[in-house]
N, C-alpha and C. Protein backbone atom coordinates (compact mmCIF):
# COMPACT_ATOMS: atom_id res chain seq x y z
N MET A 1 0.82 -1.19 0.00
CA MET A 1 0.00 0.00 0.00
C MET A 1 0.87 1.26 0.00
N LEU A 2 1.90 1.25 0.82
CA LEU A 2 2.79 2.41 0.90
C LEU A 2 3.54 2.60 -0.41
N TYR A 3 3.94 1.49 -1.05
CA TYR A 3 4.64 1.57 -2.33
C TYR A 3 3.76 2.22 -3.39
N ASN A 4 2.47 1.89 -3.41
CA ASN A 4 1.55 2.47 -4.39
C ASN A 4 1.41 3.97 -4.19
N ILE A 5 1.30 4.39 -2.96
CA ILE A 5 1.16 5.82 -2.67
C ILE A 5 2.43 6.57 -3.04
N LEU A 6 3.58 5.99 -2.72
CA LEU A 6 4.84 6.63 -3.07
C LEU A 6 5.06 6.68 -4.58
N SER A 7 4.67 5.63 -5.28
CA SER A 7 4.85 5.65 -6.73
C SER A 7 3.94 6.68 -7.40
N ILE A 8 2.73 6.84 -6.91
CA ILE A 8 1.83 7.87 -7.44
C ILE A 8 2.41 9.25 -7.17
N ALA A 9 2.96 9.44 -5.99
CA ALA A 9 3.57 10.74 -5.66
C ALA A 9 4.78 11.01 -6.55
N VAL A 10 5.58 9.99 -6.82
CA VAL A 10 6.74 10.16 -7.69
C VAL A 10 6.29 10.50 -9.11
N TYR A 11 5.26 9.82 -9.61
CA TYR A 11 4.74 10.12 -10.94
C TYR A 11 4.21 11.55 -11.02
N LEU A 12 3.47 11.98 -10.02
CA LEU A 12 2.92 13.33 -10.04
C LEU A 12 4.01 14.40 -9.96
N LEU A 13 4.99 14.18 -9.10
CA LEU A 13 6.08 15.15 -9.01
C LEU A 13 6.91 15.18 -10.29
N SER A 14 7.09 14.03 -10.89
CA SER A 14 7.81 13.98 -12.17
C SER A 14 7.04 14.69 -13.27
N PHE A 15 5.72 14.54 -13.25
CA PHE A 15 4.89 15.23 -14.25
C PHE A 15 4.99 16.74 -14.09
N VAL A 16 4.88 17.20 -12.86
CA VAL A 16 4.96 18.65 -12.61
C VAL A 16 6.33 19.19 -13.03
N ALA A 17 7.38 18.48 -12.69
CA ALA A 17 8.73 18.92 -13.03
C ALA A 17 8.94 18.90 -14.55
N SER A 18 8.47 17.87 -15.23
CA SER A 18 8.66 17.82 -16.67
C SER A 18 7.80 18.84 -17.40
N PHE A 19 6.59 19.09 -16.90
CA PHE A 19 5.75 20.13 -17.51
C PHE A 19 6.39 21.50 -17.34
N TYR A 20 6.95 21.74 -16.17
CA TYR A 20 7.64 23.00 -15.92
C TYR A 20 8.87 23.15 -16.82
N ALA A 21 9.61 22.07 -16.97
CA ALA A 21 10.82 22.13 -17.81
C ALA A 21 10.46 22.30 -19.28
N LEU A 22 9.44 21.59 -19.75
CA LEU A 22 9.07 21.70 -21.16
C LEU A 22 8.37 23.01 -21.49
N SER A 23 7.84 23.69 -20.50
CA SER A 23 7.18 24.97 -20.77
C SER A 23 8.20 26.04 -21.16
N SER A 24 9.47 25.81 -20.91
CA SER A 24 10.48 26.78 -21.31
C SER A 24 10.90 26.60 -22.76
N VAL A 25 10.52 25.48 -23.38
CA VAL A 25 10.85 25.25 -24.79
C VAL A 25 9.92 26.11 -25.64
N ARG A 26 10.49 26.77 -26.63
CA ARG A 26 9.70 27.64 -27.50
C ARG A 26 9.13 26.84 -28.66
N PHE A 27 7.96 26.25 -28.43
CA PHE A 27 7.32 25.40 -29.43
C PHE A 27 6.81 26.19 -30.62
N GLU A 28 6.61 27.49 -30.46
CA GLU A 28 6.08 28.28 -31.56
C GLU A 28 7.07 28.40 -32.72
N ARG A 29 8.32 28.08 -32.47
CA ARG A 29 9.31 28.13 -33.55
C ARG A 29 9.11 27.03 -34.58
N PHE A 30 8.63 25.88 -34.16
CA PHE A 30 8.49 24.77 -35.10
C PHE A 30 7.08 24.19 -35.14
N THR A 31 6.09 24.92 -34.63
CA THR A 31 4.70 24.48 -34.71
C THR A 31 3.85 25.59 -35.30
N ASP A 32 2.63 25.24 -35.65
CA ASP A 32 1.69 26.21 -36.19
C ASP A 32 1.01 26.94 -35.04
N VAL A 33 1.30 28.23 -34.94
CA VAL A 33 0.78 29.02 -33.81
C VAL A 33 -0.72 29.23 -33.92
N ARG A 34 -1.26 29.07 -35.11
CA ARG A 34 -2.70 29.28 -35.29
C ARG A 34 -3.53 28.17 -34.67
N LYS A 35 -2.89 27.09 -34.22
CA LYS A 35 -3.60 25.97 -33.60
C LYS A 35 -3.03 25.72 -32.21
N PRO A 36 -3.36 26.58 -31.24
CA PRO A 36 -2.76 26.44 -29.91
C PRO A 36 -3.21 25.19 -29.15
N ALA A 37 -4.39 24.68 -29.46
CA ALA A 37 -4.86 23.48 -28.76
C ALA A 37 -3.96 22.28 -29.08
N LYS A 38 -3.51 22.19 -30.32
CA LYS A 38 -2.63 21.09 -30.69
C LYS A 38 -1.27 21.23 -30.05
N VAL A 39 -0.78 22.45 -29.92
CA VAL A 39 0.51 22.68 -29.28
C VAL A 39 0.42 22.35 -27.79
N GLN A 40 -0.70 22.72 -27.17
CA GLN A 40 -0.89 22.40 -25.75
C GLN A 40 -1.01 20.90 -25.54
N THR A 41 -1.67 20.21 -26.46
CA THR A 41 -1.77 18.75 -26.38
C THR A 41 -0.40 18.11 -26.53
N LEU A 42 0.40 18.63 -27.45
CA LEU A 42 1.77 18.14 -27.62
C LEU A 42 2.57 18.33 -26.34
N LEU A 43 2.47 19.49 -25.73
CA LEU A 43 3.18 19.76 -24.48
C LEU A 43 2.73 18.81 -23.38
N LEU A 44 1.45 18.56 -23.29
CA LEU A 44 0.92 17.65 -22.28
C LEU A 44 1.42 16.23 -22.49
N LEU A 45 1.37 15.75 -23.74
CA LEU A 45 1.81 14.39 -24.03
C LEU A 45 3.31 14.23 -23.84
N LEU A 46 4.08 15.21 -24.25
CA LEU A 46 5.53 15.14 -24.04
C LEU A 46 5.88 15.14 -22.56
N SER A 47 5.18 15.95 -21.78
CA SER A 47 5.46 15.97 -20.34
C SER A 47 5.03 14.68 -19.67
N MET A 48 3.95 14.06 -20.14
CA MET A 48 3.54 12.77 -19.58
C MET A 48 4.56 11.69 -19.90
N GLY A 49 5.05 11.67 -21.12
CA GLY A 49 6.05 10.68 -21.50
C GLY A 49 7.35 10.86 -20.74
N LEU A 50 7.80 12.11 -20.63
CA LEU A 50 9.03 12.38 -19.89
C LEU A 50 8.86 12.06 -18.41
N ALA A 51 7.70 12.35 -17.86
CA ALA A 51 7.44 12.04 -16.45
C ALA A 51 7.46 10.55 -16.20
N TYR A 52 6.93 9.76 -17.13
CA TYR A 52 6.94 8.31 -16.98
C TYR A 52 8.38 7.78 -16.96
N VAL A 53 9.20 8.26 -17.88
CA VAL A 53 10.58 7.79 -17.96
C VAL A 53 11.36 8.19 -16.70
N VAL A 54 11.19 9.41 -16.26
CA VAL A 54 11.90 9.88 -15.07
C VAL A 54 11.45 9.13 -13.83
N ALA A 55 10.14 8.92 -13.69
CA ALA A 55 9.63 8.21 -12.51
C ALA A 55 10.11 6.76 -12.50
N GLN A 56 10.11 6.11 -13.65
CA GLN A 56 10.61 4.74 -13.72
C GLN A 56 12.08 4.68 -13.33
N PHE A 57 12.85 5.63 -13.81
CA PHE A 57 14.27 5.67 -13.46
C PHE A 57 14.45 5.88 -11.95
N LEU A 58 13.74 6.83 -11.37
CA LEU A 58 13.89 7.11 -9.95
C LEU A 58 13.48 5.92 -9.09
N MET A 59 12.38 5.29 -9.45
CA MET A 59 11.91 4.17 -8.63
C MET A 59 12.83 2.96 -8.78
N SER A 60 13.35 2.71 -9.97
CA SER A 60 14.27 1.58 -10.12
C SER A 60 15.61 1.88 -9.45
N PHE A 61 16.03 3.13 -9.47
CA PHE A 61 17.27 3.51 -8.81
C PHE A 61 17.15 3.34 -7.30
N VAL A 62 16.03 3.73 -6.73
CA VAL A 62 15.81 3.60 -5.29
C VAL A 62 15.70 2.13 -4.92
N MET A 63 15.03 1.33 -5.73
CA MET A 63 14.91 -0.10 -5.43
C MET A 63 16.26 -0.78 -5.55
N TRP A 64 17.11 -0.36 -6.49
CA TRP A 64 18.44 -0.94 -6.64
C TRP A 64 19.32 -0.59 -5.44
N LYS A 65 19.19 0.64 -4.95
CA LYS A 65 19.96 1.05 -3.78
C LYS A 65 19.49 0.35 -2.51
N ALA A 66 18.20 -0.01 -2.45
CA ALA A 66 17.66 -0.66 -1.25
C ALA A 66 18.11 -2.11 -1.14
N MET A 67 18.53 -2.71 -2.23
CA MET A 67 18.94 -4.12 -2.19
C MET A 67 20.35 -4.29 -1.73
């Protein structure tokens, strides 16, 4: 039960951190500015993917150190 709560917290913190980091990228340089909903969807999906990878790395790193 505690592992599930901690993993959800790690995923959420990773999502917030990746969304914050990706918000500094200037997507208007290589996307169509006339369609902001698509750019926002791209930002959301990229941050979700990056958050998944970071959370998996952090949790496997912590589990490796615990052994």
